[in-house]
Amino acid sequence: MGEVKIRNLDDEIIHKLDQKARQHKMSRNKYLISLLRNFTILEEKQEIEEKYAGLVNLMVDVVERNTETMEEMKSEILEIGERMWQSGYDS
C-alpha cells in the first residue's frame, strides 16, 4: 500500500480530525483513510443515485399510465354491463 504525506497542515485542523476520529472510535490514520475512500467513491455514488431517481420517476409514470388505462377499462366494462342489463331488462 502507498503512503500520502500532507505538509503544512494547520494544528487546528489536526485537532479537529483527531476529535472526529475519537468520536468514530478510530485512529487518525483509519479515519483519514475512511474519509478519502468515501471521497473517491462520492461521484460514483451520485451517479447511481441519479440513475435510481430516474428509474423511480419512470416507474411512477408507468404506474400512473396503468392506473389511467385501468380506469378507462373499468368505465367501459361498467358501460357494457349496463347496456347488457338494459337490453336484458327490456326483453
PDB file of N, CA and C in Angstrom:
ATOM      1  N   MET A   1       0.833  -1.187   0.000  1.00  0.00           N
ATOM      2  CA  MET A   1       0.000   0.000   0.000  1.00  0.00           C
ATOM      3  C   MET A   1       0.873   1.244   0.000  1.00  0.00           C
ATOM      4  N   GLY A   2       0.367   2.273  -0.624  1.00  0.00           N
ATOM      5  CA  GLY A   2       1.116   3.517  -0.717  1.00  0.00           C
ATOM      6  C   GLY A   2       0.917   4.401   0.495  1.00  0.00           C
ATOM      7  N   GLU A   3       1.663   5.460   0.521  1.00  0.00           N
ATOM      8  CA  GLU A   3       1.566   6.443   1.600  1.00  0.00           C
ATOM      9  C   GLU A   3       1.323   7.814   1.008  1.00  0.00           C
ATOM     10  N   VAL A   4       0.640   8.645   1.783  1.00  0.00           N
ATOM     11  CA  VAL A   4       0.412  10.031   1.411  1.00  0.00           C
ATOM     12  C   VAL A   4       0.853  10.880   2.597  1.00  0.00           C
ATOM     13  N   LYS A   5       1.638  11.899   2.327  1.00  0.00           N
ATOM     14  CA  LYS A   5       2.084  12.796   3.393  1.00  0.00           C
ATOM     15  C   LYS A   5       1.551  14.186   3.082  1.00  0.00           C
ATOM     16  N   ILE A   6       0.954  14.797   4.087  1.00  0.00           N
ATOM     17  CA  ILE A   6       0.414  16.146   3.913  1.00  0.00           C
ATOM     18  C   ILE A   6       1.262  17.094   4.758  1.00  0.00           C
ATOM     19  N   ARG A   7       1.835  18.078   4.108  1.00  0.00           N
ATOM     20  CA  ARG A   7       2.686  19.043   4.815  1.00  0.00           C
ATOM     21  C   ARG A   7       1.901  20.314   5.123  1.00  0.00           C
ATOM     22  N   ASN A   8       2.402  21.044   6.099  1.00  0.00           N
ATOM     23  CA  ASN A   8       1.899  22.375   6.455  1.00  0.00           C
ATOM     24  C   ASN A   8       0.415  22.369   6.815  1.00  0.00           C
ATOM     25  N   LEU A   9      -0.002  21.345   7.515  1.00  0.00           N
ATOM     26  CA  LEU A   9      -1.399  21.249   7.940  1.00  0.00           C
ATOM     27  C   LEU A   9      -1.561  21.999   9.261  1.00  0.00           C
ATOM     28  N   ASP A  10      -2.523  22.866   9.313  1.00  0.00           N
ATOM     29  CA  ASP A  10      -2.776  23.685  10.495  1.00  0.00           C
ATOM     30  C   ASP A  10      -3.073  22.799  11.712  1.00  0.00           C
ATOM     31  N   ASP A  11      -2.523  23.160  12.852  1.00  0.00           N
ATOM     32  CA  ASP A  11      -2.729  22.394  14.087  1.00  0.00           C
ATOM     33  C   ASP A  11      -4.206  22.286  14.457  1.00  0.00           C
ATOM     34  N   GLU A  12      -4.968  23.328  14.173  1.00  0.00           N
ATOM     35  CA  GLU A  12      -6.409  23.306  14.479  1.00  0.00           C
ATOM     36  C   GLU A  12      -7.121  22.219  13.669  1.00  0.00           C
ATOM     37  N   ILE A  13      -6.735  22.068  12.424  1.00  0.00           N
ATOM     38  CA  ILE A  13      -7.324  21.035  11.569  1.00  0.00           C
ATOM     39  C   ILE A  13      -6.964  19.652  12.109  1.00  0.00           C
ATOM     40  N   ILE A  14      -5.705  19.479  12.489  1.00  0.00           N
ATOM     41  CA  ILE A  14      -5.283  18.199  13.052  1.00  0.00           C
ATOM     42  C   ILE A  14      -6.082  17.891  14.311  1.00  0.00           C
ATOM     43  N   HIS A  15      -6.258  18.897  15.155  1.00  0.00           N
ATOM     44  CA  HIS A  15      -7.032  18.708  16.388  1.00  0.00           C
ATOM     45  C   HIS A  15      -8.472  18.285  16.070  1.00  0.00           C
ATOM     46  N   LYS A  16      -9.101  18.943  15.101  1.00  0.00           N
ATOM     47  CA  LYS A  16     -10.474  18.590  14.726  1.00  0.00           C
ATOM     48  C   LYS A  16     -10.546  17.183  14.138  1.00  0.00           C
ATOM     49  N   LEU A  17      -9.565  16.831  13.330  1.00  0.00           N
ATOM     50  CA  LEU A  17      -9.529  15.473  12.777  1.00  0.00           C
ATOM     51  C   LEU A  17      -9.398  14.431  13.892  1.00  0.00           C
ATOM     52  N   ASP A  18      -8.545  14.732  14.856  1.00  0.00           N
ATOM     53  CA  ASP A  18      -8.383  13.814  15.992  1.00  0.00           C
ATOM     54  C   ASP A  18      -9.688  13.671  16.779  1.00  0.00           C
ATOM     55  N   GLN A  19     -10.397  14.777  16.981  1.00  0.00           N
ATOM     56  CA  GLN A  19     -11.687  14.714  17.680  1.00  0.00           C
ATOM     57  C   GLN A  19     -12.677  13.835  16.916  1.00  0.00           C
ATOM     58  N   LYS A  20     -12.761  14.066  15.613  1.00  0.00           N
ATOM     59  CA  LYS A  20     -13.679  13.273  14.787  1.00  0.00           C
ATOM     60  C   LYS A  20     -13.298  11.797  14.821  1.00  0.00           C
ATOM     61  N   ALA A  21     -12.019  11.515  14.746  1.00  0.00           N
ATOM     62  CA  ALA A  21     -11.556  10.130  14.780  1.00  0.00           C
ATOM     63  C   ALA A  21     -11.954   9.476  16.104  1.00  0.00           C
ATOM     64  N   ARG A  22     -11.764  10.188  17.207  1.00  0.00           N
ATOM     65  CA  ARG A  22     -12.155   9.639  18.517  1.00  0.00           C
ATOM     66  C   ARG A  22     -13.662   9.397  18.584  1.00  0.00           C
ATOM     67  N   GLN A  23     -14.454  10.319  18.032  1.00  0.00           N
ATOM     68  CA  GLN A  23     -15.911  10.147  18.021  1.00  0.00           C
ATOM     69  C   GLN A  23     -16.312   8.873  17.295  1.00  0.00           C
ATOM     70  N   HIS A  24     -15.555   8.519  16.275  1.00  0.00           N
ATOM     71  CA  HIS A  24     -15.837   7.312  15.493  1.00  0.00           C
ATOM     72  C   HIS A  24     -15.048   6.101  16.004  1.00  0.00           C
ATOM     73  N   LYS A  25     -14.355   6.314  17.141  1.00  0.00           N
ATOM     74  CA  LYS A  25     -13.552   5.247  17.761  1.00  0.00           C
ATOM     75  C   LYS A  25     -12.532   4.669  16.770  1.00  0.00           C
ATOM     76  N   MET A  26     -11.826   5.598  16.118  1.00  0.00           N
ATOM     77  CA  MET A  26     -10.831   5.223  15.116  1.00  0.00           C
ATOM     78  C   MET A  26      -9.544   6.002  15.379  1.00  0.00           C
ATOM     79  N   SER A  27      -8.472   5.473  14.844  1.00  0.00           N
ATOM     80  CA  SER A  27      -7.226   6.246  14.860  1.00  0.00           C
ATOM     81  C   SER A  27      -7.345   7.345  13.801  1.00  0.00           C
ATOM     82  N   ARG A  28      -6.473   8.331  13.911  1.00  0.00           N
ATOM     83  CA  ARG A  28      -6.471   9.402  12.916  1.00  0.00           C
ATOM     84  C   ARG A  28      -6.240   8.820  11.528  1.00  0.00           C
ATOM     85  N   ASN A  29      -5.295   7.900  11.427  1.00  0.00           N
ATOM     86  CA  ASN A  29      -4.974   7.302  10.133  1.00  0.00           C
ATOM     87  C   ASN A  29      -6.177   6.570   9.540  1.00  0.00           C
ATOM     88  N   LYS A  30      -6.833   5.731  10.345  1.00  0.00           N
ATOM     89  CA  LYS A  30      -8.004   4.994   9.841  1.00  0.00           C
ATOM     90  C   LYS A  30      -9.136   5.948   9.472  1.00  0.00           C
ATOM     91  N   TYR A  31      -9.299   6.996  10.265  1.00  0.00           N
ATOM     92  CA  TYR A  31     -10.343   7.976   9.966  1.00  0.00           C
ATOM     93  C   TYR A  31     -10.054   8.674   8.640  1.00  0.00           C
ATOM     94  N   LEU A  32      -8.812   9.076   8.423  1.00  0.00           N
ATOM     95  CA  LEU A  32      -8.456   9.739   7.168  1.00  0.00           C
ATOM     96  C   LEU A  32      -8.601   8.799   5.977  1.00  0.00           C
ATOM     97  N   ILE A  33      -8.231   7.532   6.150  1.00  0.00           N
ATOM     98  CA  ILE A  33      -8.417   6.553   5.074  1.00  0.00           C
ATOM     99  C   ILE A  33      -9.900   6.442   4.741  1.00  0.00           C
ATOM    100  N   SER A  34     -10.738   6.396   5.771  1.00  0.00           N
ATOM    101  CA  SER A  34     -12.183   6.310   5.563  1.00  0.00           C
ATOM    102  C   SER A  34     -12.713   7.534   4.815  1.00  0.00           C
ATOM    103  N   LEU A  35     -12.254   8.721   5.217  1.00  0.00           N
ATOM    104  CA  LEU A  35     -12.677   9.951   4.538  1.00  0.00           C
ATOM    105  C   LEU A  35     -12.260   9.944   3.070  1.00  0.00           C
ATOM    106  N   LEU A  36     -11.017   9.560   2.817  1.00  0.00           N
ATOM    107  CA  LEU A  36     -10.523   9.546   1.439  1.00  0.00           C
ATOM    108  C   LEU A  36     -11.239   8.497   0.597  1.00  0.00           C
ATOM    109  N   ARG A  37     -11.501   7.346   1.173  1.00  0.00           N
ATOM    110  CA  ARG A  37     -12.230   6.295   0.447  1.00  0.00           C
ATOM    111  C   ARG A  37     -13.626   6.804   0.071  1.00  0.00           C
ATOM    112  N   ASN A  38     -14.311   7.406   1.043  1.00  0.00           N
ATOM    113  CA  ASN A  38     -15.653   7.939   0.776  1.00  0.00           C
ATOM    114  C   ASN A  38     -15.618   9.035  -0.282  1.00  0.00           C
ATOM    115  N   PHE A  39     -14.596   9.885  -0.211  1.00  0.00           N
ATOM    116  CA  PHE A  39     -14.476  10.963  -1.187  1.00  0.00           C
ATOM    117  C   PHE A  39     -14.278  10.429  -2.602  1.00  0.00           C
ATOM    118  N   THR A  40     -13.468   9.375  -2.726  1.00  0.00           N
ATOM    119  CA  THR A  40     -13.174   8.849  -4.055  1.00  0.00           C
ATOM    120  C   THR A  40     -14.372   8.147  -4.689  1.00  0.00           C
ATOM    121  N   ILE A  41     -15.309   7.653  -3.886  1.00  0.00           N
ATOM    122  CA  ILE A  41     -16.481   6.978  -4.461  1.00  0.00           C
ATOM    123  C   ILE A  41     -17.706   7.887  -4.513  1.00  0.00           C
ATOM    124  N   LEU A  42     -17.556   9.129  -4.044  1.00  0.00           N
ATOM    125  CA  LEU A  42     -18.686  10.056  -3.993  1.00  0.00           C
ATOM    126  C   LEU A  42     -19.317  10.284  -5.366  1.00  0.00           C
ATOM    127  N   GLU A  43     -18.506  10.508  -6.392  1.00  0.00           N
ATOM    128  CA  GLU A  43     -19.032  10.768  -7.734  1.00  0.00           C
ATOM    129  C   GLU A  43     -19.821   9.555  -8.251  1.00  0.00           C
ATOM    130  N   GLU A  44     -19.267   8.370  -8.051  1.00  0.00           N
ATOM    131  CA  GLU A  44     -19.947   7.143  -8.483  1.00  0.00           C
ATOM    132  C   GLU A  44     -21.271   6.977  -7.738  1.00  0.00           C
ATOM    133  N   LYS A  45     -21.257   7.281  -6.453  1.00  0.00           N
ATOM    134  CA  LYS A  45     -22.470   7.183  -5.637  1.00  0.00           C
ATOM    135  C   LYS A  45     -23.542   8.154  -6.150  1.00  0.00           C
ATOM    136  N   GLN A  46     -23.124   9.366  -6.489  1.00  0.00           N
ATOM    137  CA  GLN A  46     -24.075  10.354  -7.005  1.00  0.00           C
ATOM    138  C   GLN A  46     -24.666   9.904  -8.336  1.00  0.00           C
ATOM    139  N   GLU A  47     -23.848   9.311  -9.201  1.00  0.00           N
ATOM    140  CA  GLU A  47     -24.348   8.808 -10.478  1.00  0.00           C
ATOM    141  C   GLU A  47     -25.382   7.708 -10.266  1.00  0.00           C
ATOM    142  N   ILE A  48     -25.104   6.815  -9.331  1.00  0.00           N
ATOM    143  CA  ILE A  48     -26.044   5.732  -9.026  1.00  0.00           C
ATOM    144  C   ILE A  48     -27.344   6.305  -8.477  1.00  0.00           C
ATOM    145  N   GLU A  49     -27.242   7.298  -7.589  1.00  0.00           N
ATOM    146  CA  GLU A  49     -28.444   7.920  -7.029  1.00  0.00           C
ATOM    147  C   GLU A  49     -29.269   8.605  -8.116  1.00  0.00           C
ATOM    148  N   GLU A  50     -28.601   9.261  -9.072  1.00  0.00           N
ATOM    149  CA  GLU A  50     -29.313   9.913 -10.167  1.00  0.00           C
ATOM    150  C   GLU A  50     -30.024   8.888 -11.046  1.00  0.00           C
ATOM    151  N   LYS A  51     -29.351   7.776 -11.337  1.00  0.00           N
ATOM    152  CA  LYS A  51     -29.983   6.717 -12.127  1.00  0.00           C
ATOM    153  C   LYS A  51     -31.175   6.135 -11.386  1.00  0.00           C
ATOM    154  N   TYR A  52     -31.027   5.943 -10.084  1.00  0.00           N
ATOM    155  CA  TYR A  52     -32.119   5.406  -9.267  1.00  0.00           C
ATOM    156  C   TYR A  52     -33.312   6.365  -9.269  1.00  0.00           C
ATOM    157  N   ALA A  53     -33.041   7.657  -9.118  1.00  0.00           N
ATOM    158  CA  ALA A  53     -34.116   8.652  -9.138  1.00  0.00           C
ATOM    159  C   ALA A  53     -34.823   8.637 -10.493  1.00  0.00           C
ATOM    160  N   GLY A  54     -34.055   8.515 -11.577  1.00  0.00           N
ATOM    161  CA  GLY A  54     -34.662   8.430 -12.909  1.00  0.00           C
ATOM    162  C   GLY A  54     -35.530   7.203 -13.049  1.00  0.00           C
ATOM    163  N   LEU A  55     -35.057   6.092 -12.505  1.00  0.00           N
ATOM    164  CA  LEU A  55     -35.827   4.853 -12.558  1.00  0.00           C
ATOM    165  C   LEU A  55     -37.116   4.976 -11.756  1.00  0.00           C
ATOM    166  N   VAL A  56     -37.032   5.587 -10.586  1.00  0.00           N
ATOM    167  CA  VAL A  56     -38.232   5.794  -9.766  1.00  0.00           C
ATOM    168  C   VAL A  56     -39.232   6.664 -10.512  1.00  0.00           C
ATOM    169  N   ASN A  57     -38.763   7.736 -11.139  1.00  0.00           N
ATOM    170  CA  ASN A  57     -39.660   8.609 -11.904  1.00  0.00           C
ATOM    171  C   ASN A  57     -40.312   7.857 -13.055  1.00  0.00           C
ATOM    172  N   LEU A  58     -39.544   7.019 -13.739  1.00  0.00           N
ATOM    173  CA  LEU A  58     -40.084   6.212 -14.827  1.00  0.00           C
ATOM    174  C   LEU A  58     -41.166   5.267 -14.305  1.00  0.00           C
ATOM    175  N   MET A  59     -40.902   4.634 -13.181  1.00  0.00           N
ATOM    176  CA  MET A  59     -41.869   3.703 -12.598  1.00  0.00           C
ATOM    177  C   MET A  59     -43.156   4.433 -12.181  1.00  0.00           C
ATOM    178  N   VAL A  60     -43.018   5.629 -11.644  1.00  0.00           N
ATOM    179  CA  VAL A  60     -44.199   6.419 -11.277  1.00  0.00           C
ATOM    180  C   VAL A  60     -45.022   6.718 -12.516  1.00  0.00           C
ATOM    181  N   ASP A  61     -44.368   7.091 -13.609  1.00  0.00           N
ATOM    182  CA  ASP A  61     -45.080   7.359 -14.864  1.00  0.00           C
ATOM    183  C   ASP A  61     -45.816   6.113 -15.353  1.00  0.00           C
ATOM    184  N   VAL A  62     -45.156   4.961 -15.300  1.00  0.00           N
ATOM    185  CA  VAL A  62     -45.770   3.713 -15.749  1.00  0.00           C
ATOM    186  C   VAL A  62     -46.988   3.385 -14.888  1.00  0.00           C
ATOM    187  N   VAL A  63     -46.844   3.525 -13.576  1.00  0.00           N
ATOM    188  CA  VAL A  63     -47.975   3.231 -12.684  1.00  0.00           C
ATOM    189  C   VAL A  63     -49.136   4.185 -12.955  1.00  0.00           C
ATOM    190  N   GLU A  64     -48.838   5.458 -13.169  1.00  0.00           N
ATOM    191  CA  GLU A  64     -49.901   6.427 -13.467  1.00  0.00           C
ATOM    192  C   GLU A  64     -50.613   6.070 -14.773  1.00  0.00           C
ATOM    193  N   ARG A  65     -49.839   5.708 -15.807  1.00  0.00           N
ATOM    194  CA  ARG A  65     -50.462   5.322 -17.084  1.00  0.00           C
ATOM    195  C   ARG A  65     -51.287   4.049 -16.932  1.00  0.00           C
ATOM    196  N   ASN A  66     -50.774   3.095 -16.172  1.00  0.00           N
ATOM    197  CA  ASN A  66     -51.531   1.857 -15.931  1.00  0.00           C
ATOM    198  C   ASN A  66     -52.828   2.143 -15.186  1.00  0.00           C
ATOM    199  N   THR A  67     -52.766   3.042 -14.216  1.00  0.00           N
ATOM    200  CA  THR A  67     -53.966   3.406 -13.460  1.00  0.00           C
ATOM    201  C   THR A  67     -55.000   4.057 -14.374  1.00  0.00           C
ATOM    202  N   GLU A  68     -54.552   4.965 -15.250  1.00  0.00           N
ATOM    203  CA  GLU A  68     -55.464   5.606 -16.198  1.00  0.00           C
ATOM    204  C   GLU A  68     -56.110   4.561 -17.109  1.00  0.00           C
ATOM    205  N   THR A  69     -55.315   3.639 -17.619  1.00  0.00           N
ATOM    206  CA  THR A  69     -55.821   2.591 -18.502  1.00  0.00           C
ATOM    207  C   THR A  69     -56.837   1.714 -17.778  1.00  0.00           C
ATOM    208  N   MET A  70     -56.533   1.361 -16.547  1.00  0.00           N
ATOM    209  CA  MET A  70     -57.458   0.520 -15.779  1.00  0.00           C
ATOM    210  C   MET A  70     -58.767   1.250 -15.500  1.00  0.00           C
ATOM    211  N   GLU A  71     -58.688   2.549 -15.231  1.00  0.00           N
ATOM    212  CA  GLU A  71     -59.906   3.336 -15.007  1.00  0.00           C
ATOM    213  C   GLU A  71     -60.753   3.380 -16.284  1.00  0.00           C
ATOM    214  N   GLU A  72     -60.094   3.536 -17.444  1.00  0.00           N
ATOM    215  CA  GLU A  72     -60.817   3.536 -18.715  1.00  0.00           C
ATOM    216  C   GLU A  72     -61.478   2.187 -18.949  1.00  0.00           C
ATOM    217  N   MET A  73     -60.741   1.115 -18.673  1.00  0.00           N
ATOM    218  CA  MET A  73     -61.298  -0.235 -18.851  1.00  0.00           C
ATOM    219  C   MET A  73     -62.473  -0.460 -17.904  1.00  0.00           C
ATOM    220  N   LYS A  74     -62.357   0.003 -16.683  1.00  0.00           N
ATOM    221  CA  LYS A  74     -63.436  -0.131 -15.704  1.00  0.00           C
ATOM    222  C   LYS A  74     -64.694   0.576 -16.206  1.00  0.00           C
ATOM    223  N   SER A  75     -64.512   1.798 -16.719  1.00  0.00           N
ATOM    224  CA  SER A  75     -65.656   2.554 -17.239  1.00  0.00           C
ATOM    225  C   SER A  75     -66.310   1.816 -18.402  1.00  0.00           C
ATOM    226  N   GLU A  76     -65.492   1.295 -19.303  1.00  0.00           N
ATOM    227  CA  GLU A  76     -66.037   0.572 -20.449  1.00  0.00           C
ATOM    228  C   GLU A  76     -66.767  -0.689 -20.009  1.00  0.00           C
ATOM    229  N   ILE A  77     -66.191  -1.416 -19.070  1.00  0.00           N
ATOM    230  CA  ILE A  77     -66.843  -2.642 -18.577  1.00  0.00           C
ATOM    231  C   ILE A  77     -68.178  -2.308 -17.916  1.00  0.00           C
ATOM    232  N   LEU A  78     -68.209  -1.238 -17.103  1.00  0.00           N
ATOM    233  CA  LEU A  78     -69.464  -0.838 -16.456  1.00  0.00           C
ATOM    234  C   LEU A  78     -70.497  -0.423 -17.500  1.00  0.00           C
ATOM    235  N   GLU A  79     -70.032   0.282 -18.525  1.00  0.00           N
ATOM    236  CA  GLU A  79     -70.946   0.714 -19.590  1.00  0.00           C
ATOM    237  C   GLU A  79     -71.500  -0.495 -20.343  1.00  0.00           C
ATOM    238  N   ILE A  80     -70.653  -1.446 -20.670  1.00  0.00           N
ATOM    239  CA  ILE A  80     -71.104  -2.661 -21.364  1.00  0.00           C
ATOM    240  C   ILE A  80     -72.082  -3.429 -20.479  1.00  0.00           C
ATOM    241  N   GLY A  81     -71.752  -3.529 -19.204  1.00  0.00           N
ATOM    242  CA  GLY A  81     -72.642  -4.225 -18.268  1.00  0.00           C
ATOM    243  C   GLY A  81     -73.996  -3.552 -18.169  1.00  0.00           C
ATOM    244  N   GLU A  82     -73.995  -2.246 -18.139  1.00  0.00           N
ATOM    245  CA  GLU A  82     -75.266  -1.522 -18.057  1.00  0.00           C
ATOM    246  C   GLU A  82     -76.086  -1.724 -19.333  1.00  0.00           C
ATOM    247  N   ARG A  83     -75.420  -1.683 -20.504  1.00  0.00           N
ATOM    248  CA  ARG A  83     -76.138  -1.917 -21.763  1.00  0.00           C
ATOM    249  C   ARG A  83     -76.709  -3.334 -21.802  1.00  0.00           C
ATOM    250  N   MET A  84     -75.921  -4.281 -21.324  1.00  0.00           N
ATOM    251  CA  MET A  84     -76.402  -5.672 -21.309  1.00  0.00           C
ATOM    252  C   MET A  84     -77.603  -5.801 -20.362  1.00  0.00           C
ATOM    253  N   TRP A  85     -77.529  -5.164 -19.217  1.00  0.00           N
ATOM    254  CA  TRP A  85     -78.623  -5.238 -18.248  1.00  0.00           C
ATOM    255  C   TRP A  85     -79.883  -4.606 -18.836  1.00  0.00           C
ATOM    256  N   GLN A  86     -79.712  -3.422 -19.497  1.00  0.00           N
ATOM    257  CA  GLN A  86     -80.863  -2.757 -20.098  1.00  0.00           C
ATOM    258  C   GLN A  86     -81.465  -3.580 -21.220  1.00  0.00           C
ATOM    259  N   SER A  87     -80.645  -4.184 -22.067  1.00  0.00           N
ATOM    260  CA  SER A  87     -81.196  -4.981 -23.166  1.00  0.00           C
ATOM    261  C   SER A  87     -81.862  -6.232 -22.626  1.00  0.00           C
ATOM    262  N   GLY A  88     -81.354  -6.810 -21.584  1.00  0.00           N
ATOM    263  CA  GLY A  88     -81.995  -7.990 -20.977  1.00  0.00           C
ATOM    264  C   GLY A  88     -83.244  -7.603 -20.239  1.00  0.00           C
ATOM    265  N   TYR A  89     -83.285  -6.447 -19.680  1.00  0.00           N
ATOM    266  CA  TYR A  89     -84.426  -5.962 -18.905  1.00  0.00           C
ATOM    267  C   TYR A  89     -85.582  -5.591 -19.805  1.00  0.00           C
ATOM    268  N   ASP A  90     -85.230  -5.020 -20.996  1.00  0.00           N
ATOM    269  CA  ASP A  90     -86.258  -4.591 -21.922  1.00  0.00           C
ATOM    270  C   ASP A  90     -86.902  -5.773 -22.643  1.00  0.00           C
ATOM    271  N   SER A  91     -86.256  -6.909 -22.720  1.00  0.00           N
ATOM    272  CA  SER A  91     -86.767  -8.032 -23.494  1.00  0.00           C
ATOM    273  C   SER A  91     -87.941  -8.683 -22.859  1.00  0.00           C
TER     274      SER A  91
END
